Amino acid sequence: MEVATFMSDVRPTLTVLAPSSKELEQGNATLTCLANKGFPSDWSLSWIVDGRRCSGIGWEVSRSPGALQTDRLYSWSSTLMLPADQWEKVGSVTCEATRGSQTPFSETLRRDQCSQS
């Protein structure tokens, strides 16, 4: 692993987690984007659903504050909450990370890759 110099940005690793089948049965869908081992903690996480940004379309988005880990890198998350019937119509969900002039990067979850168990 590369040794991080803490005067520069370290891109976090992104992981997008699908909603659970139990939650879907209750009519809700919560997707989580985990950002791990980034520096500093002010990377912005945004959601893109089927190529459209989620801001202003009525779905709830929240973000956890960055938590400093023992390796002096940060971990944090963002959640996207939508009705289960809307999730059933989604093809793909992308979590995008940006910070200042850095090139944005992302992780995509395709709904058809999710297990139904």
PDB file of N, CA and C in Angstrom:
ATOM      1  N   MET A   1       0.843  -1.186   0.000  1.00  0.00           N
ATOM      2  CA  MET A   1       0.000   0.000   0.000  1.00  0.00           C
ATOM      3  C   MET A   1       0.880   1.239   0.000  1.00  0.00           C
ATOM      4  N   GLU A   2       0.452   2.207  -0.742  1.00  0.00           N
ATOM      5  CA  GLU A   2       1.148   3.463  -0.850  1.00  0.00           C
ATOM      6  C   GLU A   2       1.072   4.219   0.475  1.00  0.00           C
ATOM      7  N   VAL A   3       2.171   4.822   0.888  1.00  0.00           N
ATOM      8  CA  VAL A   3       2.160   5.629   2.108  1.00  0.00           C
ATOM      9  C   VAL A   3       1.571   6.993   1.758  1.00  0.00           C
ATOM     10  N   ALA A   4       0.554   7.397   2.497  1.00  0.00           N
ATOM     11  CA  ALA A   4      -0.126   8.652   2.198  1.00  0.00           C
ATOM     12  C   ALA A   4       0.663   9.828   2.764  1.00  0.00           C
ATOM     13  N   THR A   5       0.827  10.842   1.969  1.00  0.00           N
ATOM     14  CA  THR A   5       1.377  12.100   2.467  1.00  0.00           C
ATOM     15  C   THR A   5       0.180  12.953   2.813  1.00  0.00           C
ATOM     16  N   PHE A   6       0.088  13.387   4.029  1.00  0.00           N
ATOM     17  CA  PHE A   6      -1.130  14.010   4.516  1.00  0.00           C
ATOM     18  C   PHE A   6      -1.275  15.464   4.116  1.00  0.00           C
ATOM     19  N   MET A   7      -0.400  15.959   3.270  1.00  0.00           N
ATOM     20  CA  MET A   7      -0.572  17.299   2.739  1.00  0.00           C
ATOM     21  C   MET A   7      -1.344  17.262   1.421  1.00  0.00           C
ATOM     22  N   SER A   8      -1.587  16.085   0.893  1.00  0.00           N
ATOM     23  CA  SER A   8      -2.315  15.984  -0.364  1.00  0.00           C
ATOM     24  C   SER A   8      -3.544  15.108  -0.177  1.00  0.00           C
ATOM     25  N   ASP A   9      -4.412  15.140  -1.177  1.00  0.00           N
ATOM     26  CA  ASP A   9      -5.634  14.355  -1.124  1.00  0.00           C
ATOM     27  C   ASP A   9      -5.348  12.866  -1.288  1.00  0.00           C
ATOM     28  N   VAL A  10      -6.101  12.065  -0.567  1.00  0.00           N
ATOM     29  CA  VAL A  10      -6.087  10.617  -0.744  1.00  0.00           C
ATOM     30  C   VAL A  10      -7.515  10.236  -1.106  1.00  0.00           C
ATOM     31  N   ARG A  11      -7.679   9.657  -2.296  1.00  0.00           N
ATOM     32  CA  ARG A  11      -9.022   9.256  -2.728  1.00  0.00           C
ATOM     33  C   ARG A  11      -9.536   8.122  -1.866  1.00  0.00           C
ATOM     34  N   PRO A  12     -10.752   8.250  -1.337  1.00  0.00           N
ATOM     35  CA  PRO A  12     -11.330   7.138  -0.570  1.00  0.00           C
ATOM     36  C   PRO A  12     -11.759   6.011  -1.502  1.00  0.00           C
ATOM     37  N   THR A  13     -11.885   4.831  -0.940  1.00  0.00           N
ATOM     38  CA  THR A  13     -12.457   3.701  -1.654  1.00  0.00           C
ATOM     39  C   THR A  13     -13.970   3.769  -1.475  1.00  0.00           C
ATOM     40  N   LEU A  14     -14.717   3.691  -2.568  1.00  0.00           N
ATOM     41  CA  LEU A  14     -16.172   3.772  -2.510  1.00  0.00           C
ATOM     42  C   LEU A  14     -16.801   2.388  -2.650  1.00  0.00           C
ATOM     43  N   THR A  15     -17.828   2.133  -1.839  1.00  0.00           N
ATOM     44  CA  THR A  15     -18.611   0.904  -1.923  1.00  0.00           C
ATOM     45  C   THR A  15     -20.078   1.288  -1.831  1.00  0.00           C
ATOM     46  N   VAL A  16     -20.897   0.824  -2.777  1.00  0.00           N
ATOM     47  CA  VAL A  16     -22.334   1.101  -2.755  1.00  0.00           C
ATOM     48  C   VAL A  16     -23.061  -0.166  -2.310  1.00  0.00           C
ATOM     49  N   LEU A  17     -23.859  -0.023  -1.253  1.00  0.00           N
ATOM     50  CA  LEU A  17     -24.612  -1.148  -0.701  1.00  0.00           C
ATOM     51  C   LEU A  17     -26.092  -1.013  -1.054  1.00  0.00           C
ATOM     52  N   ALA A  18     -26.690  -2.101  -1.516  1.00  0.00           N
ATOM     53  CA  ALA A  18     -28.100  -2.129  -1.912  1.00  0.00           C
ATOM     54  C   ALA A  18     -28.997  -2.270  -0.680  1.00  0.00           C
ATOM     55  N   PRO A  19     -30.266  -1.944  -0.836  1.00  0.00           N
ATOM     56  CA  PRO A  19     -31.206  -2.148   0.279  1.00  0.00           C
ATOM     57  C   PRO A  19     -31.420  -3.628   0.551  1.00  0.00           C
ATOM     58  N   SER A  20     -31.793  -3.936   1.782  1.00  0.00           N
ATOM     59  CA  SER A  20     -32.055  -5.329   2.140  1.00  0.00           C
ATOM     60  C   SER A  20     -33.448  -5.732   1.659  1.00  0.00           C
ATOM     61  N   SER A  21     -33.633  -7.031   1.461  1.00  0.00           N
ATOM     62  CA  SER A  21     -34.953  -7.527   1.032  1.00  0.00           C
ATOM     63  C   SER A  21     -36.000  -7.260   2.109  1.00  0.00           C
ATOM     64  N   LYS A  22     -35.604  -7.318   3.373  1.00  0.00           N
ATOM     65  CA  LYS A  22     -36.551  -7.056   4.467  1.00  0.00           C
ATOM     66  C   LYS A  22     -37.039  -5.611   4.413  1.00  0.00           C
ATOM     67  N   GLU A  23     -36.121  -4.696   4.153  1.00  0.00           N
ATOM     68  CA  GLU A  23     -36.507  -3.294   4.047  1.00  0.00           C
ATOM     69  C   GLU A  23     -37.438  -3.071   2.849  1.00  0.00           C
ATOM     70  N   LEU A  24     -37.129  -3.721   1.729  1.00  0.00           N
ATOM     71  CA  LEU A  24     -37.966  -3.593   0.535  1.00  0.00           C
ATOM     72  C   LEU A  24     -39.384  -4.104   0.790  1.00  0.00           C
ATOM     73  N   GLU A  25     -39.498  -5.180   1.573  1.00  0.00           N
ATOM     74  CA  GLU A  25     -40.818  -5.715   1.926  1.00  0.00           C
ATOM     75  C   GLU A  25     -41.633  -4.698   2.721  1.00  0.00           C
ATOM     76  N   GLN A  26     -40.942  -3.811   3.435  1.00  0.00           N
ATOM     77  CA  GLN A  26     -41.612  -2.782   4.230  1.00  0.00           C
ATOM     78  C   GLN A  26     -41.887  -1.513   3.428  1.00  0.00           C
ATOM     79  N   GLY A  27     -41.530  -1.547   2.127  1.00  0.00           N
ATOM     80  CA  GLY A  27     -41.858  -0.425   1.255  1.00  0.00           C
ATOM     81  C   GLY A  27     -40.809   0.658   1.140  1.00  0.00           C
ATOM     82  N   ASN A  28     -39.624   0.408   1.698  1.00  0.00           N
ATOM     83  CA  ASN A  28     -38.555   1.405   1.657  1.00  0.00           C
ATOM     84  C   ASN A  28     -37.305   0.833   1.004  1.00  0.00           C
ATOM     85  N   ALA A  29     -36.456   1.737   0.514  1.00  0.00           N
ATOM     86  CA  ALA A  29     -35.163   1.329  -0.046  1.00  0.00           C
ATOM     87  C   ALA A  29     -34.113   2.344   0.388  1.00  0.00           C
ATOM     88  N   THR A  30     -33.122   1.875   1.141  1.00  0.00           N
ATOM     89  CA  THR A  30     -32.021   2.732   1.563  1.00  0.00           C
ATOM     90  C   THR A  30     -30.746   2.201   0.947  1.00  0.00           C
ATOM     91  N   LEU A  31     -30.082   3.046   0.171  1.00  0.00           N
ATOM     92  CA  LEU A  31     -28.788   2.694  -0.406  1.00  0.00           C
ATOM     93  C   LEU A  31     -27.725   3.450   0.373  1.00  0.00           C
ATOM     94  N   THR A  32     -26.586   2.807   0.568  1.00  0.00           N
ATOM     95  CA  THR A  32     -25.511   3.419   1.328  1.00  0.00           C
ATOM     96  C   THR A  32     -24.242   3.437   0.493  1.00  0.00           C
ATOM     97  N   CYS A  33     -23.578   4.583   0.500  1.00  0.00           N
ATOM     98  CA  CYS A  33     -22.273   4.714  -0.137  1.00  0.00           C
ATOM     99  C   CYS A  33     -21.246   4.868   0.981  1.00  0.00           C
ATOM    100  N   LEU A  34     -20.360   3.882   1.098  1.00  0.00           N
ATOM    101  CA  LEU A  34     -19.290   3.934   2.095  1.00  0.00           C
ATOM    102  C   LEU A  34     -18.035   4.488   1.436  1.00  0.00           C
ATOM    103  N   ALA A  35     -17.462   5.505   2.057  1.00  0.00           N
ATOM    104  CA  ALA A  35     -16.197   6.081   1.596  1.00  0.00           C
ATOM    105  C   ALA A  35     -15.158   5.782   2.672  1.00  0.00           C
ATOM    106  N   ASN A  36     -14.161   4.984   2.334  1.00  0.00           N
ATOM    107  CA  ASN A  36     -13.174   4.542   3.321  1.00  0.00           C
ATOM    108  C   ASN A  36     -11.778   4.994   2.955  1.00  0.00           C
ATOM    109  N   LYS A  37     -11.022   5.355   3.988  1.00  0.00           N
ATOM    110  CA  LYS A  37      -9.597   5.664   3.883  1.00  0.00           C
ATOM    111  C   LYS A  37      -9.312   6.808   2.915  1.00  0.00           C
ATOM    112  N   GLY A  38     -10.004   7.930   3.146  1.00  0.00           N
ATOM    113  CA  GLY A  38      -9.775   9.137   2.360  1.00  0.00           C
ATOM    114  C   GLY A  38      -9.179  10.234   3.221  1.00  0.00           C
ATOM    115  N   PHE A  39      -8.586  11.226   2.577  1.00  0.00           N
ATOM    116  CA  PHE A  39      -8.048  12.389   3.287  1.00  0.00           C
ATOM    117  C   PHE A  39      -8.082  13.576   2.363  1.00  0.00           C
ATOM    118  N   PRO A  40      -8.485  14.742   2.845  1.00  0.00           N
ATOM    119  CA  PRO A  40      -9.129  14.972   4.144  1.00  0.00           C
ATOM    120  C   PRO A  40     -10.578  14.489   4.122  1.00  0.00           C
ATOM    121  N   SER A  41     -11.356  14.894   5.120  1.00  0.00           N
ATOM    122  CA  SER A  41     -12.706  14.342   5.266  1.00  0.00           C
ATOM    123  C   SER A  41     -13.769  15.135   4.521  1.00  0.00           C
ATOM    124  N   ASP A  42     -13.376  16.134   3.752  1.00  0.00           N
ATOM    125  CA  ASP A  42     -14.388  16.986   3.120  1.00  0.00           C
ATOM    126  C   ASP A  42     -14.679  16.640   1.661  1.00  0.00           C
ATOM    127  N   TRP A  43     -14.446  15.400   1.267  1.00  0.00           N
ATOM    128  CA  TRP A  43     -14.887  14.949  -0.052  1.00  0.00           C
ATOM    129  C   TRP A  43     -16.411  15.006  -0.076  1.00  0.00           C
ATOM    130  N   SER A  44     -16.972  15.440  -1.171  1.00  0.00           N
ATOM    131  CA  SER A  44     -18.433  15.458  -1.326  1.00  0.00           C
ATOM    132  C   SER A  44     -18.874  14.169  -2.006  1.00  0.00           C
ATOM    133  N   LEU A  45     -19.947  13.595  -1.488  1.00  0.00           N
ATOM    134  CA  LEU A  45     -20.539  12.401  -2.095  1.00  0.00           C
ATOM    135  C   LEU A  45     -21.892  12.789  -2.667  1.00  0.00           C
ATOM    136  N   SER A  46     -22.138  12.433  -3.913  1.00  0.00           N
ATOM    137  CA  SER A  46     -23.437  12.709  -4.520  1.00  0.00           C
ATOM    138  C   SER A  46     -23.948  11.453  -5.209  1.00  0.00           C
ATOM    139  N   TRP A  47     -25.250  11.415  -5.419  1.00  0.00           N
ATOM    140  CA  TRP A  47     -25.911  10.252  -6.001  1.00  0.00           C
ATOM    141  C   TRP A  47     -26.393  10.556  -7.410  1.00  0.00           C
ATOM    142  N   ILE A  48     -26.216   9.578  -8.297  1.00  0.00           N
ATOM    143  CA  ILE A  48     -26.698   9.662  -9.671  1.00  0.00           C
ATOM    144  C   ILE A  48     -27.502   8.393  -9.930  1.00  0.00           C
ATOM    145  N   VAL A  49     -28.776   8.561 -10.280  1.00  0.00           N
ATOM    146  CA  VAL A  49     -29.663   7.418 -10.528  1.00  0.00           C
ATOM    147  C   VAL A  49     -30.037   7.420 -12.009  1.00  0.00           C
ATOM    148  N   ASP A  50     -29.672   6.334 -12.683  1.00  0.00           N
ATOM    149  CA  ASP A  50     -29.948   6.208 -14.125  1.00  0.00           C
ATOM    150  C   ASP A  50     -29.484   7.447 -14.896  1.00  0.00           C
ATOM    151  N   GLY A  51     -28.299   7.953 -14.519  1.00  0.00           N
ATOM    152  CA  GLY A  51     -27.704   9.080 -15.228  1.00  0.00           C
ATOM    153  C   GLY A  51     -28.176  10.454 -14.785  1.00  0.00           C
ATOM    154  N   ARG A  52     -29.110  10.519 -13.817  1.00  0.00           N
ATOM    155  CA  ARG A  52     -29.623  11.808 -13.336  1.00  0.00           C
ATOM    156  C   ARG A  52     -29.209  12.045 -11.899  1.00  0.00           C
ATOM    157  N   ARG A  53     -28.719  13.257 -11.629  1.00  0.00           N
ATOM    158  CA  ARG A  53     -28.362  13.617 -10.251  1.00  0.00           C
ATOM    159  C   ARG A  53     -29.616  13.629  -9.389  1.00  0.00           C
ATOM    160  N   CYS A  54     -29.465  13.243  -8.137  1.00  0.00           N
ATOM    161  CA  CYS A  54     -30.618  13.087  -7.246  1.00  0.00           C
ATOM    162  C   CYS A  54     -31.077  14.372  -6.576  1.00  0.00           C
ATOM    163  N   SER A  55     -30.331  15.435  -6.690  1.00  0.00           N
ATOM    164  CA  SER A  55     -30.734  16.657  -5.995  1.00  0.00           C
ATOM    165  C   SER A  55     -32.043  17.186  -6.581  1.00  0.00           C
ATOM    166  N   GLY A  56     -32.965  17.512  -5.699  1.00  0.00           N
ATOM    167  CA  GLY A  56     -34.201  18.146  -6.115  1.00  0.00           C
ATOM    168  C   GLY A  56     -35.277  17.244  -6.678  1.00  0.00           C
ATOM    169  N   ILE A  57     -35.142  15.910  -6.559  1.00  0.00           N
ATOM    170  CA  ILE A  57     -36.201  15.053  -7.086  1.00  0.00           C
ATOM    171  C   ILE A  57     -37.006  14.375  -5.970  1.00  0.00           C
ATOM    172  N   GLY A  58     -36.841  14.865  -4.747  1.00  0.00           N
ATOM    173  CA  GLY A  58     -37.708  14.423  -3.666  1.00  0.00           C
ATOM    174  C   GLY A  58     -37.245  13.222  -2.874  1.00  0.00           C
ATOM    175  N   TRP A  59     -36.101  12.637  -3.206  1.00  0.00           N
ATOM    176  CA  TRP A  59     -35.580  11.529  -2.418  1.00  0.00           C
ATOM    177  C   TRP A  59     -34.673  12.084  -1.342  1.00  0.00           C
ATOM    178  N   GLU A  60     -34.648  11.441  -0.206  1.00  0.00           N
ATOM    179  CA  GLU A  60     -33.875  11.927   0.933  1.00  0.00           C
ATOM    180  C   GLU A  60     -32.423  11.447   0.852  1.00  0.00           C
ATOM    181  N   VAL A  61     -31.500  12.393   1.042  1.00  0.00           N
ATOM    182  CA  VAL A  61     -30.073  12.076   1.050  1.00  0.00           C
ATOM    183  C   VAL A  61     -29.487  12.602   2.356  1.00  0.00           C
ATOM    184  N   SER A  62     -28.684  11.790   3.024  1.00  0.00           N
ATOM    185  CA  SER A  62     -28.005  12.250   4.236  1.00  0.00           C
ATOM    186  C   SER A  62     -26.555  11.796   4.199  1.00  0.00           C
ATOM    187  N   ARG A  63     -25.719  12.467   5.012  1.00  0.00           N
ATOM    188  CA  ARG A  63     -24.290  12.169   5.038  1.00  0.00           C
ATOM    189  C   ARG A  63     -23.817  12.114   6.479  1.00  0.00           C
ATOM    190  N   SER A  64     -22.981  11.131   6.774  1.00  0.00           N
ATOM    191  CA  SER A  64     -22.404  11.050   8.109  1.00  0.00           C
ATOM    192  C   SER A  64     -21.142  11.923   8.150  1.00  0.00           C
ATOM    193  N   PRO A  65     -20.776  12.425   9.333  1.00  0.00           N
ATOM    194  CA  PRO A  65     -19.511  13.156   9.425  1.00  0.00           C
ATOM    195  C   PRO A  65     -18.333  12.199   9.261  1.00  0.00           C
ATOM    196  N   GLY A  66     -17.208  12.719   8.829  1.00  0.00           N
ATOM    197  CA  GLY A  66     -16.007  11.895   8.684  1.00  0.00           C
ATOM    198  C   GLY A  66     -15.499  11.417  10.036  1.00  0.00           C
ATOM    199  N   ALA A  67     -15.139  10.153  10.109  1.00  0.00           N
ATOM    200  CA  ALA A  67     -14.573   9.580  11.336  1.00  0.00           C
ATOM    201  C   ALA A  67     -13.094   9.290  11.095  1.00  0.00           C
ATOM    202  N   LEU A  68     -12.248   9.862  11.930  1.00  0.00           N
ATOM    203  CA  LEU A  68     -10.811   9.661  11.791  1.00  0.00           C
ATOM    204  C   LEU A  68     -10.440   8.267  12.287  1.00  0.00           C
ATOM    205  N   GLN A  69      -9.761   7.504  11.431  1.00  0.00           N
ATOM    206  CA  GLN A  69      -9.342   6.150  11.774  1.00  0.00           C
ATOM    207  C   GLN A  69      -7.933   6.174  12.362  1.00  0.00           C
ATOM    208  N   THR A  70      -7.484   5.049  12.887  1.00  0.00           N
ATOM    209  CA  THR A  70      -6.164   4.977  13.508  1.00  0.00           C
ATOM    210  C   THR A  70      -5.029   5.224  12.510  1.00  0.00           C
ATOM    211  N   ASP A  71      -5.288   5.003  11.221  1.00  0.00           N
ATOM    212  CA  ASP A  71      -4.254   5.243  10.209  1.00  0.00           C
ATOM    213  C   ASP A  71      -4.249   6.700   9.728  1.00  0.00           C
ATOM    214  N   ARG A  72      -5.007   7.557  10.417  1.00  0.00           N
ATOM    215  CA  ARG A  72      -5.111   8.989  10.139  1.00  0.00           C
ATOM    216  C   ARG A  72      -5.846   9.301   8.833  1.00  0.00           C
ATOM    217  N   LEU A  73      -6.552   8.320   8.313  1.00  0.00           N
ATOM    218  CA  LEU A  73      -7.418   8.530   7.165  1.00  0.00           C
ATOM    219  C   LEU A  73      -8.867   8.510   7.653  1.00  0.00           C
ATOM    220  N   TYR A  74      -9.767   9.051   6.860  1.00  0.00           N
ATOM    221  CA  TYR A  74     -11.160   9.197   7.268  1.00  0.00           C
ATOM    222  C   TYR A  74     -12.067   8.190   6.570  1.00  0.00           C
ATOM    223  N   SER A  75     -13.178   7.876   7.241  1.00  0.00           N
ATOM    224  CA  SER A  75     -14.249   7.083   6.657  1.00  0.00           C
ATOM    225  C   SER A  75     -15.560   7.812   6.927  1.00  0.00           C
ATOM    226  N   TRP A  76     -16.479   7.776   5.976  1.00  0.00           N
ATOM    227  CA  TRP A  76     -17.772   8.406   6.131  1.00  0.00           C
ATOM    228  C   TRP A  76     -18.736   7.751   5.151  1.00  0.00           C
ATOM    229  N   SER A  77     -20.000   8.175   5.197  1.00  0.00           N
ATOM    230  CA  SER A  77     -20.978   7.553   4.319  1.00  0.00           C
ATOM    231  C   SER A  77     -22.064   8.541   3.919  1.00  0.00           C
ATOM    232  N   SER A  78     -22.786   8.158   2.876  1.00  0.00           N
ATOM    233  CA  SER A  78     -23.964   8.899   2.431  1.00  0.00           C
ATOM    234  C   SER A  78     -25.054   7.877   2.188  1.00  0.00           C
ATOM    235  N   THR A  79     -26.282   8.245   2.520  1.00  0.00           N
ATOM    236  CA  THR A  79     -27.404   7.345   2.272  1.00  0.00           C
ATOM    237  C   THR A  79     -28.423   8.018   1.361  1.00  0.00           C
ATOM    238  N   LEU A  80     -29.031   7.209   0.521  1.00  0.00           N
ATOM    239  CA  LEU A  80     -30.102   7.646  -0.374  1.00  0.00           C
ATOM    240  C   LEU A  80     -31.326   6.813  -0.035  1.00  0.00           C
ATOM    241  N   MET A  81     -32.424   7.483   0.325  1.00  0.00           N
ATOM    242  CA  MET A  81     -33.645   6.780   0.706  1.00  0.00           C
ATOM    243  C   MET A  81     -34.744   7.095  -0.299  1.00  0.00           C
ATOM    244  N   LEU A  82     -35.379   6.036  -0.802  1.00  0.00           N
ATOM    245  CA  LEU A  82     -36.461   6.196  -1.752  1.00  0.00           C
ATOM    246  C   LEU A  82     -37.487   5.095  -1.536  1.00  0.00           C
ATOM    247  N   PRO A  83     -38.699   5.276  -2.051  1.00  0.00           N
ATOM    248  CA  PRO A  83     -39.711   4.222  -1.911  1.00  0.00           C
ATOM    249  C   PRO A  83     -39.285   2.967  -2.678  1.00  0.00           C
ATOM    250  N   ALA A  84     -39.660   1.816  -2.152  1.00  0.00           N
ATOM    251  CA  ALA A  84     -39.277   0.540  -2.776  1.00  0.00           C
ATOM    252  C   ALA A  84     -39.784   0.434  -4.209  1.00  0.00           C
ATOM    253  N   ASP A  85     -40.973   0.969  -4.498  1.00  0.00           N
ATOM    254  CA  ASP A  85     -41.491   0.869  -5.863  1.00  0.00           C
ATOM    255  C   ASP A  85     -40.648   1.694  -6.838  1.00  0.00           C
ATOM    256  N   GLN A  86     -40.031   2.768  -6.355  1.00  0.00           N
ATOM    257  CA  GLN A  86     -39.123   3.553  -7.194  1.00  0.00           C
ATOM    258  C   GLN A  86     -37.825   2.769  -7.431  1.00  0.00           C
ATOM    259  N   TRP A  87     -37.334   2.106  -6.390  1.00  0.00           N
ATOM    260  CA  TRP A  87     -36.118   1.297  -6.513  1.00  0.00           C
ATOM    261  C   TRP A  87     -36.313   0.205  -7.567  1.00  0.00           C
ATOM    262  N   GLU A  88     -37.509  -0.382  -7.634  1.00  0.00           N
ATOM    263  CA  GLU A  88     -37.786  -1.453  -8.598  1.00  0.00           C
ATOM    264  C   GLU A  88     -37.669  -0.969 -10.046  1.00  0.00           C
ATOM    265  N   LYS A  89     -37.778   0.338 -10.273  1.00  0.00           N
ATOM    266  CA  LYS A  89     -37.697   0.907 -11.624  1.00  0.00           C
ATOM    267  C   LYS A  89     -36.291   1.368 -11.983  1.00  0.00           C
ATOM    268  N   VAL A  90     -35.389   1.350 -11.017  1.00  0.00           N
ATOM    269  CA  VAL A  90     -34.030   1.867 -11.211  1.00  0.00           C
ATOM    270  C   VAL A  90     -33.162   0.847 -11.942  1.00  0.00           C
ATOM    271  N   GLY A  91     -32.348   1.323 -12.875  1.00  0.00           N
ATOM    272  CA  GLY A  91     -31.390   0.452 -13.548  1.00  0.00           C
ATOM    273  C   GLY A  91     -30.039   0.458 -12.852  1.00  0.00           C
ATOM    274  N   SER A  92     -29.546   1.657 -12.510  1.00  0.00           N
ATOM    275  CA  SER A  92     -28.243   1.754 -11.838  1.00  0.00           C
ATOM    276  C   SER A  92     -28.208   2.963 -10.917  1.00  0.00           C
ATOM    277  N   VAL A  93     -27.390   2.842  -9.880  1.00  0.00           N
ATOM    278  CA  VAL A  93     -27.193   3.914  -8.908  1.00  0.00           C
ATOM    279  C   VAL A  93     -25.689   4.114  -8.775  1.00  0.00           C
ATOM    280  N   THR A  94     -25.266   5.373  -8.855  1.00  0.00           N
ATOM    281  CA  THR A  94     -23.845   5.704  -8.775  1.00  0.00           C
ATOM    282  C   THR A  94     -23.608   6.658  -7.629  1.00  0.00           C
ATOM    283  N   CYS A  95     -22.566   6.387  -6.861  1.00  0.00           N
ATOM    284  CA  CYS A  95     -22.090   7.312  -5.834  1.00  0.00           C
ATOM    285  C   CYS A  95     -20.837   7.974  -6.397  1.00  0.00           C
ATOM    286  N   GLU A  96     -20.845   9.299  -6.450  1.00  0.00           N
ATOM    287  CA  GLU A  96     -19.720  10.039  -7.011  1.00  0.00           C
ATOM    288  C   GLU A  96     -19.043  10.863  -5.921  1.00  0.00           C
ATOM    289  N   ALA A  97     -17.724  10.807  -5.881  1.00  0.00           N
ATOM    290  CA  ALA A  97     -16.941  11.576  -4.912  1.00  0.00           C
ATOM    291  C   ALA A  97     -16.209  12.698  -5.631  1.00  0.00           C
ATOM    292  N   THR A  98     -16.284  13.897  -5.066  1.00  0.00           N
ATOM    293  CA  THR A  98     -15.580  15.050  -5.620  1.00  0.00           C
ATOM    294  C   THR A  98     -14.944  15.849  -4.497  1.00  0.00           C
ATOM    295  N   ARG A  99     -13.870  16.532  -4.841  1.00  0.00           N
ATOM    296  CA  ARG A  99     -13.231  17.450  -3.895  1.00  0.00           C
ATOM    297  C   ARG A  99     -12.440  18.482  -4.685  1.00  0.00           C
ATOM    298  N   GLY A 100     -12.865  19.734  -4.570  1.00  0.00           N
ATOM    299  CA  GLY A 100     -12.152  20.828  -5.225  1.00  0.00           C
ATOM    300  C   GLY A 100     -11.927  20.569  -6.702  1.00  0.00           C
ATOM    301  N   SER A 101     -10.671  20.709  -7.127  1.00  0.00           N
ATOM    302  CA  SER A 101     -10.339  20.539  -8.544  1.00  0.00           C
ATOM    303  C   SER A 101      -9.966  19.097  -8.893  1.00  0.00           C
ATOM    304  N   GLN A 102     -10.086  18.198  -7.934  1.00  0.00           N
ATOM    305  CA  GLN A 102      -9.790  16.788  -8.197  1.00  0.00           C
ATOM    306  C   GLN A 102     -10.762  16.228  -9.236  1.00  0.00           C
ATOM    307  N   THR A 103     -10.307  15.279 -10.017  1.00  0.00           N
ATOM    308  CA  THR A 103     -11.176  14.604 -10.973  1.00  0.00           C
ATOM    309  C   THR A 103     -12.182  13.744 -10.204  1.00  0.00           C
ATOM    310  N   PRO A 104     -13.480  13.918 -10.468  1.00  0.00           N
ATOM    311  CA  PRO A 104     -14.477  13.088  -9.777  1.00  0.00           C
ATOM    312  C   PRO A 104     -14.276  11.606 -10.108  1.00  0.00           C
ATOM    313  N   PHE A 105     -14.642  10.746  -9.183  1.00  0.00           N
ATOM    314  CA  PHE A 105     -14.619   9.312  -9.434  1.00  0.00           C
ATOM    315  C   PHE A 105     -15.842   8.709  -8.776  1.00  0.00           C
ATOM    316  N   SER A 106     -16.188   7.490  -9.181  1.00  0.00           N
ATOM    317  CA  SER A 106     -17.463   6.954  -8.723  1.00  0.00           C
ATOM    318  C   SER A 106     -17.443   5.437  -8.636  1.00  0.00           C
ATOM    319  N   GLU A 107     -18.501   4.930  -8.010  1.00  0.00           N
ATOM    320  CA  GLU A 107     -18.771   3.489  -7.928  1.00  0.00           C
ATOM    321  C   GLU A 107     -20.246   3.300  -8.279  1.00  0.00           C
ATOM    322  N   THR A 108     -20.529   2.343  -9.151  1.00  0.00           N
ATOM    323  CA  THR A 108     -21.901   2.125  -9.619  1.00  0.00           C
ATOM    324  C   THR A 108     -22.409   0.755  -9.199  1.00  0.00           C
ATOM    325  N   LEU A 109     -23.664   0.735  -8.783  1.00  0.00           N
ATOM    326  CA  LEU A 109     -24.368  -0.507  -8.453  1.00  0.00           C
ATOM    327  C   LEU A 109     -25.510  -0.652  -9.449  1.00  0.00           C
ATOM    328  N   ARG A 110     -25.524  -1.765 -10.156  1.00  0.00           N
ATOM    329  CA  ARG A 110     -26.653  -2.064 -11.061  1.00  0.00           C
ATOM    330  C   ARG A 110     -27.658  -2.900 -10.296  1.00  0.00           C
ATOM    331  N   ARG A 111     -28.924  -2.507 -10.355  1.00  0.00           N
ATOM    332  CA  ARG A 111     -29.932  -3.212  -9.588  1.00  0.00           C
ATOM    333  C   ARG A 111     -30.038  -4.675  -9.977  1.00  0.00           C
ATOM    334  N   ASP A 112     -29.824  -4.997 -11.245  1.00  0.00           N
ATOM    335  CA  ASP A 112     -29.936  -6.396 -11.672  1.00  0.00           C
ATOM    336  C   ASP A 112     -28.796  -7.275 -11.142  1.00  0.00           C
ATOM    337  N   GLN A 113     -27.790  -6.661 -10.535  1.00  0.00           N
ATOM    338  CA  GLN A 113     -26.705  -7.431  -9.921  1.00  0.00           C
ATOM    339  C   GLN A 113     -26.980  -7.733  -8.454  1.00  0.00           C
ATOM    340  N   CYS A 114     -28.050  -7.169  -7.916  1.00  0.00           N
ATOM    341  CA  CYS A 114     -28.368  -7.372  -6.509  1.00  0.00           C
ATOM    342  C   CYS A 114     -29.097  -8.694  -6.323  1.00  0.00           C
ATOM    343  N   SER A 115     -28.748  -9.402  -5.255  1.00  0.00           N
ATOM    344  CA  SER A 115     -29.455 -10.656  -4.968  1.00  0.00           C
ATOM    345  C   SER A 115     -30.804 -10.317  -4.376  1.00  0.00           C
ATOM    346  N   GLN A 116     -31.763 -11.158  -4.590  1.00  0.00           N
ATOM    347  CA  GLN A 116     -33.114 -10.938  -4.077  1.00  0.00           C
ATOM    348  C   GLN A 116     -33.358 -11.708  -2.786  1.00  0.00           C
ATOM    349  N   SER A 117     -32.292 -12.219  -2.156  1.00  0.00           N
ATOM    350  CA  SER A 117     -32.467 -13.003  -0.934  1.00  0.00           C
ATOM    351  C   SER A 117     -32.534 -12.122   0.285  1.00  0.00           C
TER     352      SER A 117
END
